[in-house]
Every structure is written in C-alpha cells, then in structure tokens.
C-alpha atoms as a PDB file:
ATOM      1  CA  MET A   1       0.000   0.000   0.000  1.00  0.00           C
ATOM      2  CA  GLU A   2       1.281   3.459  -0.920  1.00  0.00           C
ATOM      3  CA  VAL A   3       1.939   5.969   1.870  1.00  0.00           C
ATOM      4  CA  LEU A   4      -0.815   8.239   0.510  1.00  0.00           C
ATOM      5  CA  ASP A   5      -3.317   5.403   0.819  1.00  0.00           C
ATOM      6  CA  TYR A   6      -2.496   5.029   4.505  1.00  0.00           C
ATOM      7  CA  LEU A   7      -2.802   8.773   5.040  1.00  0.00           C
ATOM      8  CA  LEU A   8      -6.136   9.043   3.252  1.00  0.00           C
ATOM      9  CA  ARG A   9      -7.550   6.362   5.543  1.00  0.00           C
ATOM     10  CA  PHE A  10      -6.904   8.735   8.450  1.00  0.00           C
ATOM     11  CA  ILE A  11      -8.839  11.502   6.687  1.00  0.00           C
ATOM     12  CA  GLU A  12     -11.696   9.105   5.936  1.00  0.00           C
ATOM     13  CA  GLU A  13     -11.801   8.106   9.591  1.00  0.00           C
ATOM     14  CA  ASP A  14     -11.920  11.746  10.734  1.00  0.00           C
ATOM     15  CA  ALA A  15     -14.303  13.020   8.056  1.00  0.00           C
ATOM     16  CA  PRO A  16     -16.248  10.086   6.572  1.00  0.00           C
ATOM     17  CA  PHE A  17     -18.852  12.453   5.109  1.00  0.00           C
ATOM     18  CA  GLY A  18     -16.736  15.601   4.893  1.00  0.00           C
ATOM     19  CA  ASP A  19     -16.148  18.467   7.320  1.00  0.00           C
ATOM     20  CA  VAL A  20     -19.725  19.597   7.903  1.00  0.00           C
ATOM     21  CA  THR A  21     -18.737  22.607  10.017  1.00  0.00           C
ATOM     22  CA  SER A  22     -16.332  24.115   7.485  1.00  0.00           C
ATOM     23  CA  ALA A  23     -18.729  23.337   4.639  1.00  0.00           C
ATOM     24  CA  ALA A  24     -21.456  25.308   6.403  1.00  0.00           C
ATOM     25  CA  VAL A  25     -19.370  28.202   7.723  1.00  0.00           C
ATOM     26  CA  ILE A  26     -16.430  28.860   5.383  1.00  0.00           C
ATOM     27  CA  PRO A  27     -16.960  30.395   1.904  1.00  0.00           C
ATOM     28  CA  ASP A  28     -14.928  29.309  -1.106  1.00  0.00           C
ATOM     29  CA  ILE A  29     -11.781  31.260  -0.254  1.00  0.00           C
ATOM     30  CA  THR A  30      -8.045  30.660  -0.072  1.00  0.00           C
ATOM     31  CA  CYS A  31      -5.842  31.446   2.891  1.00  0.00           C
ATOM     32  CA  ASN A  32      -2.376  31.074   4.381  1.00  0.00           C
ATOM     33  CA  ALA A  33      -1.583  28.949   7.416  1.00  0.00           C
ATOM     34  CA  VAL A  34       1.476  28.031   9.436  1.00  0.00           C
ATOM     35  CA  ILE A  35       2.247  24.885  11.409  1.00  0.00           C
ATOM     36  CA  ARG A  36       4.327  25.777  14.449  1.00  0.00           C
ATOM     37  CA  ALA A  37       6.079  23.779  17.179  1.00  0.00           C
ATOM     38  CA  GLU A  38       4.977  24.489  20.728  1.00  0.00           C
ATOM     39  CA  GLN A  39       7.942  22.714  22.292  1.00  0.00           C
ATOM     40  CA  ALA A  40      11.531  21.774  21.501  1.00  0.00           C
ATOM     41  CA  GLY A  41      12.593  18.393  20.175  1.00  0.00           C
ATOM     42  CA  ILE A  42      13.204  16.283  17.079  1.00  0.00           C
ATOM     43  CA  ILE A  43      10.613  16.945  14.407  1.00  0.00           C
ATOM     44  CA  ALA A  44       9.120  14.126  12.341  1.00  0.00           C
ATOM     45  CA  GLY A  45       6.097  13.572  10.134  1.00  0.00           C
ATOM     46  CA  LEU A  46       6.558  16.650   7.942  1.00  0.00           C
ATOM     47  CA  LYS A  47       6.989  14.566   4.790  1.00  0.00           C
ATOM     48  CA  GLU A  48       3.777  12.650   5.414  1.00  0.00           C
ATOM     49  CA  VAL A  49       1.843  15.817   6.192  1.00  0.00           C
ATOM     50  CA  SER A  50       3.163  17.478   3.032  1.00  0.00           C
ATOM     51  CA  ILE A  51       1.968  14.518   0.951  1.00  0.00           C
ATOM     52  CA  LEU A  52      -1.465  14.808   2.511  1.00  0.00           C
ATOM     53  CA  PHE A  53      -1.866  18.560   2.059  1.00  0.00           C
ATOM     54  CA  SER A  54      -0.523  18.385  -1.496  1.00  0.00           C
ATOM     55  CA  HIS A  55      -3.080  15.702  -2.360  1.00  0.00           C
ATOM     56  CA  PHE A  56      -5.825  18.195  -1.462  1.00  0.00           C
ATOM     57  CA  GLY A  57      -4.271  20.939  -3.576  1.00  0.00           C
ATOM     58  CA  VAL A  58      -2.641  22.882  -0.747  1.00  0.00           C
ATOM     59  CA  SER A  59       0.847  24.218  -1.491  1.00  0.00           C
ATOM     60  CA  VAL A  60       3.465  23.518   1.165  1.00  0.00           C
ATOM     61  CA  LYS A  61       6.705  25.342   1.939  1.00  0.00           C
ATOM     62  CA  HIS A  62       9.124  23.625   4.316  1.00  0.00           C
ATOM     63  CA  LEU A  63      10.854  25.685   6.980  1.00  0.00           C
ATOM     64  CA  ALA A  64      12.161  22.524   8.673  1.00  0.00           C
ATOM     65  CA  LYS A  65      12.742  18.921   7.648  1.00  0.00           C
ATOM     66  CA  ASP A  66      12.277  15.595   9.393  1.00  0.00           C
ATOM     67  CA  GLY A  67      15.083  14.948  11.872  1.00  0.00           C
ATOM     68  CA  ASP A  68      15.793  18.612  12.579  1.00  0.00           C
ATOM     69  CA  VAL A  69      16.271  19.767  16.148  1.00  0.00           C
ATOM     70  CA  ILE A  70      13.671  22.474  16.555  1.00  0.00           C
ATOM     71  CA  CYS A  71      12.934  25.016  19.272  1.00  0.00           C
ATOM     72  CA  GLN A  72       9.674  26.114  20.828  1.00  0.00           C
ATOM     73  CA  ASN A  73       7.726  28.462  18.514  1.00  0.00           C
ATOM     74  CA  ASP A  74       9.714  27.462  15.411  1.00  0.00           C
ATOM     75  CA  ASN A  75       7.641  27.581  12.223  1.00  0.00           C
ATOM     76  CA  LEU A  76       7.687  24.214  10.462  1.00  0.00           C
ATOM     77  CA  LEU A  77       5.467  24.486   7.374  1.00  0.00           C
ATOM     78  CA  LEU A  78       3.799  27.319   5.471  1.00  0.00           C
ATOM     79  CA  LEU A  79       0.546  26.441   3.715  1.00  0.00           C
ATOM     80  CA  PHE A  80      -1.524  28.162   1.045  1.00  0.00           C
ATOM     81  CA  GLY A  81      -4.696  26.932  -0.537  1.00  0.00           C
ATOM     82  CA  ASP A  82      -8.415  26.347  -0.201  1.00  0.00           C
ATOM     83  CA  ALA A  83      -9.354  27.209   3.380  1.00  0.00           C
ATOM     84  CA  LYS A  84     -11.786  24.299   3.702  1.00  0.00           C
ATOM     85  CA  LYS A  85      -9.144  21.817   2.520  1.00  0.00           C
ATOM     86  CA  ILE A  86      -6.617  23.124   5.036  1.00  0.00           C
ATOM     87  CA  LEU A  87      -9.169  22.775   7.824  1.00  0.00           C
ATOM     88  CA  LEU A  88     -10.105  19.287   6.614  1.00  0.00           C
ATOM     89  CA  VAL A  89      -6.527  18.052   6.967  1.00  0.00           C
ATOM     90  CA  GLU A  90      -5.593  20.154  10.021  1.00  0.00           C
ATOM     91  CA  ARG A  91      -6.174  17.754  12.917  1.00  0.00           C
ATOM     92  CA  THR A  92      -4.950  14.664  11.085  1.00  0.00           C
ATOM     93  CA  ALA A  93      -1.750  16.523  10.145  1.00  0.00           C
ATOM     94  CA  LEU A  94      -1.145  17.707  13.703  1.00  0.00           C
ATOM     95  CA  ASN A  95      -1.796  14.217  15.069  1.00  0.00           C
ATOM     96  CA  ILE A  96       0.755  12.730  12.677  1.00  0.00           C
ATOM     97  CA  ILE A  97       3.439  15.301  13.497  1.00  0.00           C
ATOM     98  CA  GLY A  98       2.652  15.129  17.200  1.00  0.00           C
ATOM     99  CA  ARG A  99       2.974  11.359  17.499  1.00  0.00           C
ATOM    100  CA  MET A 100       5.958  10.928  15.184  1.00  0.00           C
ATOM    101  CA  SER A 101       7.872  13.847  16.714  1.00  0.00           C
ATOM    102  CA  SER A 102       7.278  12.513  20.206  1.00  0.00           C
ATOM    103  CA  ILE A 103       8.661   9.108  19.230  1.00  0.00           C
ATOM    104  CA  ALA A 104      11.633  10.655  17.406  1.00  0.00           C
ATOM    105  CA  THR A 105      12.411  12.963  20.343  1.00  0.00           C
ATOM    106  CA  GLN A 106      12.259  10.165  22.898  1.00  0.00           C
ATOM    107  CA  THR A 107      14.302   7.869  20.667  1.00  0.00           C
ATOM    108  CA  ARG A 108      17.030  10.481  20.233  1.00  0.00           C
ATOM    109  CA  LYS A 109      17.206  11.001  23.996  1.00  0.00           C
ATOM    110  CA  MET A 110      17.569   7.256  24.684  1.00  0.00           C
ATOM    111  CA  ALA A 111      20.024   6.786  21.805  1.00  0.00           C
ATOM    112  CA  ASP A 112      22.246   9.542  23.201  1.00  0.00           C
ATOM    113  CA  ILE A 113      22.221   7.908  26.645  1.00  0.00           C
ATOM    114  CA  VAL A 114      23.259   4.546  25.205  1.00  0.00           C
ATOM    115  CA  SER A 115      25.944   5.874  22.852  1.00  0.00           C
ATOM    116  CA  SER A 116      27.550   7.867  25.675  1.00  0.00           C
ATOM    117  CA  VAL A 117      28.214   4.572  27.485  1.00  0.00           C
ATOM    118  CA  ASN A 118      28.506   2.024  24.680  1.00  0.00           C
ATOM    119  CA  PRO A 119      29.112   3.556  21.214  1.00  0.00           C
ATOM    120  CA  HIS A 120      28.581   0.279  19.315  1.00  0.00           C
ATOM    121  CA  CYS A 121      25.215  -0.415  20.943  1.00  0.00           C
ATOM    122  CA  ARG A 122      21.958   0.935  19.491  1.00  0.00           C
ATOM    123  CA  ILE A 123      18.407   1.063  20.748  1.00  0.00           C
ATOM    124  CA  ALA A 124      15.593  -0.607  18.838  1.00  0.00           C
ATOM    125  CA  ALA A 125      11.830  -0.360  18.665  1.00  0.00           C
ATOM    126  CA  THR A 126       9.394  -3.235  19.169  1.00  0.00           C
ATOM    127  CA  ARG A 127       6.056  -4.202  17.632  1.00  0.00           C
ATOM    128  CA  LYS A 128       4.258  -2.368  20.442  1.00  0.00           C
ATOM    129  CA  THR A 129       3.059   0.219  17.962  1.00  0.00           C
ATOM    130  CA  CYS A 130      -0.273   1.904  17.290  1.00  0.00           C
ATOM    131  CA  PRO A 131      -2.433  -0.304  15.012  1.00  0.00           C
ATOM    132  CA  GLY A 132      -2.735   1.335  11.604  1.00  0.00           C
ATOM    133  CA  PHE A 133       0.200   3.631  12.319  1.00  0.00           C
ATOM    134  CA  GLN A 134       2.991   1.058  12.490  1.00  0.00           C
ATOM    135  CA  ILE A 135       5.004   2.199   9.481  1.00  0.00           C
ATOM    136  CA  PHE A 136       5.024   5.768  10.779  1.00  0.00           C
ATOM    137  CA  ASP A 137       5.931   4.731  14.346  1.00  0.00           C
ATOM    138  CA  LYS A 138       8.877   2.753  12.998  1.00  0.00           C
ATOM    139  CA  LYS A 139       9.951   5.569  10.677  1.00  0.00           C
ATOM    140  CA  ALA A 140       9.883   8.008  13.608  1.00  0.00           C
ATOM    141  CA  VAL A 141      12.213   5.702  15.553  1.00  0.00           C
ATOM    142  CA  GLN A 142      14.636   5.739  12.623  1.00  0.00           C
ATOM    143  CA  ILE A 143      14.438   9.528  12.372  1.00  0.00           C
ATOM    144  CA  GLY A 144      15.350   9.677  16.066  1.00  0.00           C
ATOM    145  CA  GLY A 145      18.408   7.485  15.509  1.00  0.00           C
ATOM    146  CA  GLY A 146      17.030   4.112  16.570  1.00  0.00           C
ATOM    147  CA  ASP A 147      16.716   0.734  14.877  1.00  0.00           C
ATOM    148  CA  PRO A 148      13.164  -0.166  13.742  1.00  0.00           C
ATOM    149  CA  HIS A 149      13.763  -3.885  14.465  1.00  0.00           C
ATOM    150  CA  ARG A 150      11.496  -6.088  12.343  1.00  0.00           C
ATOM    151  CA  MET A 151       8.689  -4.098  10.761  1.00  0.00           C
ATOM    152  CA  ASN A 152       6.079  -6.846  11.140  1.00  0.00           C
ATOM    153  CA  LEU A 153       5.648 -10.612  11.492  1.00  0.00           C
ATOM    154  CA  SER A 154       6.495 -11.095   7.808  1.00  0.00           C
ATOM    155  CA  ASP A 155       9.728  -9.136   8.026  1.00  0.00           C
ATOM    156  CA  GLY A 156      11.921 -11.262  10.267  1.00  0.00           C
ATOM    157  CA  ILE A 157      12.191 -14.458  12.268  1.00  0.00           C
ATOM    158  CA  LEU A 158      11.885 -14.129  16.024  1.00  0.00           C
ATOM    159  CA  ILE A 159      11.287 -17.325  17.985  1.00  0.00           C
ATOM    160  CA  LYS A 160       9.601 -16.219  21.205  1.00  0.00           C
ATOM    161  CA  ASP A 161       8.553 -17.810  24.485  1.00  0.00           C
ATOM    162  CA  ASN A 162       5.143 -18.873  23.194  1.00  0.00           C
ATOM    163  CA  HIS A 163       6.765 -20.648  20.263  1.00  0.00           C
ATOM    164  CA  LEU A 164       9.114 -22.396  22.662  1.00  0.00           C
ATOM    165  CA  ALA A 165       6.220 -23.419  24.891  1.00  0.00           C
ATOM    166  CA  LEU A 166       5.211 -25.656  21.990  1.00  0.00           C
ATOM    167  CA  VAL A 167       8.506 -26.547  20.272  1.00  0.00           C
ATOM    168  CA  PRO A 168      12.020 -27.051  21.766  1.00  0.00           C
ATOM    169  CA  ILE A 169      14.677 -24.466  20.887  1.00  0.00           C
ATOM    170  CA  ARG A 170      16.789 -26.749  18.710  1.00  0.00           C
ATOM    171  CA  SER A 171      13.771 -28.052  16.807  1.00  0.00           C
ATOM    172  CA  ALA A 172      12.483 -24.538  16.214  1.00  0.00           C
ATOM    173  CA  ILE A 173      15.827 -23.309  14.869  1.00  0.00           C
ATOM    174  CA  HIS A 174      16.299 -26.364  12.648  1.00  0.00           C
ATOM    175  CA  ALA A 175      12.768 -25.941  11.263  1.00  0.00           C
ATOM    176  CA  VAL A 176      13.459 -22.314  10.375  1.00  0.00           C
ATOM    177  CA  LYS A 177      16.728 -23.226   8.632  1.00  0.00           C
ATOM    178  CA  LYS A 178      14.835 -25.656   6.405  1.00  0.00           C
ATOM    179  CA  VAL A 179      12.422 -22.914   5.370  1.00  0.00           C
ATOM    180  CA  SER A 180      14.961 -20.186   4.561  1.00  0.00           C
ATOM    181  CA  ALA A 181      18.701 -19.801   4.528  1.00  0.00           C
ATOM    182  CA  TYR A 182      18.482 -16.065   3.846  1.00  0.00           C
ATOM    183  CA  LYS A 183      16.865 -14.709   6.997  1.00  0.00           C
ATOM    184  CA  LYS A 184      18.667 -14.222  10.278  1.00  0.00           C
ATOM    185  CA  ILE A 185      17.255 -16.212  13.161  1.00  0.00           C
ATOM    186  CA  GLU A 186      16.559 -14.473  16.445  1.00  0.00           C
ATOM    187  CA  VAL A 187      15.623 -16.426  19.567  1.00  0.00           C
ATOM    188  CA  GLU A 188      14.220 -15.022  22.798  1.00  0.00           C
ATOM    189  CA  VAL A 189      15.598 -16.717  25.945  1.00  0.00           C
ATOM    190  CA  GLU A 190      15.339 -16.150  29.669  1.00  0.00           C
ATOM    191  CA  THR A 191      18.229 -18.297  30.960  1.00  0.00           C
ATOM    192  CA  SER A 192      21.937 -18.714  30.251  1.00  0.00           C
ATOM    193  CA  ASP A 193      21.446 -22.394  29.440  1.00  0.00           C
ATOM    194  CA  ASP A 194      18.821 -21.595  26.802  1.00  0.00           C
ATOM    195  CA  ALA A 195      21.097 -18.917  25.340  1.00  0.00           C
ATOM    196  CA  LEU A 196      23.842 -21.508  24.947  1.00  0.00           C
ATOM    197  CA  ILE A 197      21.441 -23.999  23.348  1.00  0.00           C
ATOM    198  CA  ALA A 198      20.229 -21.349  20.897  1.00  0.00           C
ATOM    199  CA  ALA A 199      23.771 -20.316  20.016  1.00  0.00           C
ATOM    200  CA  THR A 200      25.002 -23.872  19.428  1.00  0.00           C
ATOM    201  CA  ALA A 201      21.875 -24.660  17.368  1.00  0.00           C
ATOM    202  CA  GLY A 202      22.686 -21.841  14.957  1.00  0.00           C
ATOM    203  CA  ALA A 203      20.820 -18.738  16.119  1.00  0.00           C
ATOM    204  CA  ASP A 204      22.216 -15.481  14.741  1.00  0.00           C
ATOM    205  CA  ILE A 205      20.652 -13.152  17.326  1.00  0.00           C
ATOM    206  CA  ILE A 206      19.849 -13.956  20.934  1.00  0.00           C
ATOM    207  CA  MET A 207      17.404 -11.774  22.810  1.00  0.00           C
ATOM    208  CA  LEU A 208      18.044 -11.905  26.545  1.00  0.00           C
ATOM    209  CA  ASP A 209      14.580 -11.199  27.892  1.00  0.00           C
ATOM    210  CA  ASN A 210      13.856  -9.898  31.391  1.00  0.00           C
ATOM    211  CA  MET A 211      17.329 -10.765  32.664  1.00  0.00           C
ATOM    212  CA  SER A 212      19.045  -8.863  35.464  1.00  0.00           C
ATOM    213  CA  PRO A 213      22.401  -7.228  34.674  1.00  0.00           C
ATOM    214  CA  ASP A 214      24.164 -10.036  36.577  1.00  0.00           C
ATOM    215  CA  GLN A 215      22.328 -12.676  34.543  1.00  0.00           C
ATOM    216  CA  VAL A 216      23.233 -10.892  31.317  1.00  0.00           C
ATOM    217  CA  SER A 217      26.910 -10.748  32.329  1.00  0.00           C
ATOM    218  CA  GLN A 218      26.897 -14.431  33.260  1.00  0.00           C
ATOM    219  CA  THR A 219      25.276 -15.372  29.961  1.00  0.00           C
ATOM    220  CA  ILE A 220      27.767 -13.369  27.921  1.00  0.00           C
ATOM    221  CA  ALA A 221      30.651 -14.887  29.919  1.00  0.00           C
ATOM    222  CA  LEU A 222      29.301 -18.373  29.173  1.00  0.00           C
ATOM    223  CA  LEU A 223      29.036 -17.661  25.442  1.00  0.00           C
ATOM    224  CA  THR A 224      32.544 -16.201  25.494  1.00  0.00           C
ATOM    225  CA  ARG A 225      33.998 -19.296  27.226  1.00  0.00           C
ATOM    226  CA  GLU A 226      32.362 -21.487  24.604  1.00  0.00           C
ATOM    227  CA  GLY A 227      33.840 -19.387  21.795  1.00  0.00           C
ATOM    228  CA  LEU A 228      30.406 -18.257  20.584  1.00  0.00           C
ATOM    229  CA  ARG A 229      30.173 -14.600  21.600  1.00  0.00           C
ATOM    230  CA  ASP A 230      31.896 -13.149  18.540  1.00  0.00           C
ATOM    231  CA  ARG A 231      29.407 -14.660  16.110  1.00  0.00           C
ATOM    232  CA  ILE A 232      26.283 -13.974  18.172  1.00  0.00           C
ATOM    233  CA  PHE A 233      24.412 -10.668  18.138  1.00  0.00           C
ATOM    234  CA  ILE A 234      23.119  -9.930  21.651  1.00  0.00           C
ATOM    235  CA  GLU A 235      19.912  -7.986  22.247  1.00  0.00           C
ATOM    236  CA  LEU A 236      18.388  -7.020  25.598  1.00  0.00           C
ATOM    237  CA  SER A 237      14.654  -6.687  26.106  1.00  0.00           C
ATOM    238  CA  GLY A 238      12.002  -6.576  28.785  1.00  0.00           C
ATOM    239  CA  GLY A 239      11.311  -4.059  31.516  1.00  0.00           C
ATOM    240  CA  ILE A 240      14.108  -1.676  30.572  1.00  0.00           C
ATOM    241  CA  ASN A 241      13.349   1.982  31.259  1.00  0.00           C
ATOM    242  CA  GLU A 242      15.259   5.245  31.181  1.00  0.00           C
ATOM    243  CA  SER A 243      16.610   4.810  34.709  1.00  0.00           C
ATOM    244  CA  SER A 244      18.039   1.343  34.003  1.00  0.00           C
ATOM    245  CA  LEU A 245      19.236   2.112  30.481  1.00  0.00           C
ATOM    246  CA  ILE A 246      22.774   3.206  31.421  1.00  0.00           C
ATOM    247  CA  THR A 247      23.358   0.020  33.421  1.00  0.00           C
ATOM    248  CA  CYS A 248      22.143  -2.106  30.502  1.00  0.00           C
ATOM    249  CA  ALA A 249      24.181  -0.182  27.937  1.00  0.00           C
ATOM    250  CA  ALA A 250      27.358  -0.710  29.964  1.00  0.00           C
ATOM    251  CA  LEU A 251      27.091  -4.464  29.342  1.00  0.00           C
ATOM    252  CA  ASP A 252      28.653  -6.105  26.277  1.00  0.00           C
ATOM    253  CA  VAL A 253      25.465  -5.999  24.205  1.00  0.00           C
ATOM    254  CA  ASP A 254      24.665  -4.937  20.657  1.00  0.00           C
ATOM    255  CA  ARG A 255      21.038  -3.797  20.845  1.00  0.00           C
ATOM    256  CA  ILE A 256      18.554  -2.781  23.517  1.00  0.00           C
ATOM    257  CA  SER A 257      14.901  -2.942  22.501  1.00  0.00           C
ATOM    258  CA  LEU A 258      12.550  -0.530  24.233  1.00  0.00           C
ATOM    259  CA  GLY A 259       8.799  -0.905  23.976  1.00  0.00           C
ATOM    260  CA  PHE A 260       8.154   2.475  25.578  1.00  0.00           C
ATOM    261  CA  LEU A 261       9.567   4.269  22.533  1.00  0.00           C
ATOM    262  CA  THR A 262       6.191   3.690  20.878  1.00  0.00           C
ATOM    263  CA  HIS A 263       3.699   2.488  23.482  1.00  0.00           C
ATOM    264  CA  SER A 264       4.051   5.157  26.191  1.00  0.00           C
ATOM    265  CA  ILE A 265       4.534   8.486  24.472  1.00  0.00           C
ATOM    266  CA  SER A 266       3.215  11.951  25.277  1.00  0.00           C
ATOM    267  CA  ASN A 267       2.063  13.911  22.259  1.00  0.00           C
ATOM    268  CA  PHE A 268       4.534  16.455  20.896  1.00  0.00           C
ATOM    269  CA  SER A 269       2.672  19.760  20.799  1.00  0.00           C
ATOM    270  CA  VAL A 270       2.235  21.517  17.439  1.00  0.00           C
ATOM    271  CA  ASN A 271      -0.485  23.834  16.191  1.00  0.00           C
ATOM    272  CA  LEU A 272      -1.849  25.206  12.932  1.00  0.00           C
ATOM    273  CA  GLU A 273      -2.760  28.875  12.701  1.00  0.00           C
ATOM    274  CA  ILE A 274      -4.774  30.385   9.874  1.00  0.00           C
ATOM    275  CA  ILE A 275      -3.288  33.760   8.929  1.00  0.00           C
ATOM    276  CA  PRO A 276      -4.119  36.280   6.208  1.00  0.00           C
ATOM    277  CA  GLU A 277      -0.474  36.905   5.404  1.00  0.00           C
ATOM    278  CA  ILE A 278       2.897  35.660   6.623  1.00  0.00           C
ATOM    279  CA  ASN A 279       6.485  36.817   6.285  1.00  0.00           C
ATOM    280  CA  PRO A 280       8.738  33.786   7.001  1.00  0.00           C
END
C-alpha cells in the first residue's frame, strides 16, 4: 500500500462524510496557514503531512525537515490553498506530526544515553506500535536514531517464548533453517542455558529477555567461554526503562529494545494557525 493510501484512511476516519462545520461556515476562499512547534525536540512527520496537504491541492513550503532539532515556537510548514481543505486536513496533520515527533524525540534522547556509554550499541523499537500507524511509528524511531527492528511478522524471524512453549529451541531453529537460509534467526531466551542452546543450534541473534544485569553478564561470559560470543548478536529486552538504560548499555550488548519508545509516548505539541499573510 502506498503511503498516501495510509494517510487518506486517516482523513476518511476523521471526516467520513466531509467536514460539515467548514462546509457550512467557510466560503470558497483561499488562505495562508502556518504549522508551528509548541515545544523543543526532534521533528518528524513533515513529509507525510506534506503529501497529505498536497493531495488536497494545498501548497506547502518547508521551513524545517524531518530529523531537525527544533525550538519552541519554530515555524515548520507554510501552507496556502483552499481554506476548507486546510481545515479538513488540520487535525490529522497535527496528530501525525505530534505522534511521530514525540517518538523521534524520545528515541534520540535514549540513543544519546546509550551511545555515551557504549558507542557500538543501538536502541531498537518493538512491535508495540499503534495499530494502523505502524510504518510511521517505525519511521519516527529511525528519524530519532534508533533501529526499527522487524517491521512486522512477515519481516523477520523471532522465535519467542510462546513458540518455545510448543517446540524445543533446537527443533524450532532447525525448522526455520529448512524454510529459509536467507533470513537471520533471532531467539528469545530467559536463561543462560537456553542462550547456549540457541547459540550452538545456529541462532544469529539472541534476545536476553527480562534478565538482570548479573544474569546478562553471566550469559555473555558463558558464550565467550564457549567461543560463541563473537558470532552472536546480543539484544536485551524486557522491563528496561530510562533509569536502568545506562546500566544495561554498559554491558557487552549490541542492541537494547525498548517498547516504551512507541507504546508510552506523550504527544509532541504543534499547532496550525490560519493567517491572512505571513512573512517567514
């Protein structure tokens, strides 16, 4: 599905039979408008919003681009076009920028914390995204400097606890290898012994889930003693928050996945102001 198709679904949801208020109140006139940041952070979603406004015949001038560090009261986009079309798209556009910028801002903050302690380690998103908005949540993480992880269930192999409740680790890994030799195999484990089994069975990535720092260190030491650490990509997951992030990053790990990048965000505040004339 094209990006525009996704975006138009949001408009259809918000105005299934048009904007009845604007249709009744606003004459057929054109106007200028500005989208402005009401707080500082990393801006994201401007490309998507531009696509949406352009589709409805509104001209867009960029005063910022996705990934920019912006300050409170910075102007982001200048708009000119049919007043009713601008008002039709207004709230959807602000919702997109608000959510994506919040994710990008939080991601950048967490990425900076991790890189200050462990430069080769990166943070990653999870699939704890907003239904219908997944591609934009993941893109916002990338704009903020994070790894999107797998985009969806079709994108990568991740053998999780509920798979392993039904099939042993070795059997699961061997079954995957028969299906495809071109996808990396990631296995979620909760003990050092299971990490060793996964590594010896041919896993490429091991996700150490809900382990304490001591357990992580012991697991990595075990893999190192067995000569497996150098060929295994280590990811941490489960219950990691901002306060524990530095401790986790200080361990010999390659990725730290953080569900709160996308599931516990506060909206980044932006507004749209209709103006008769603007001098950028």
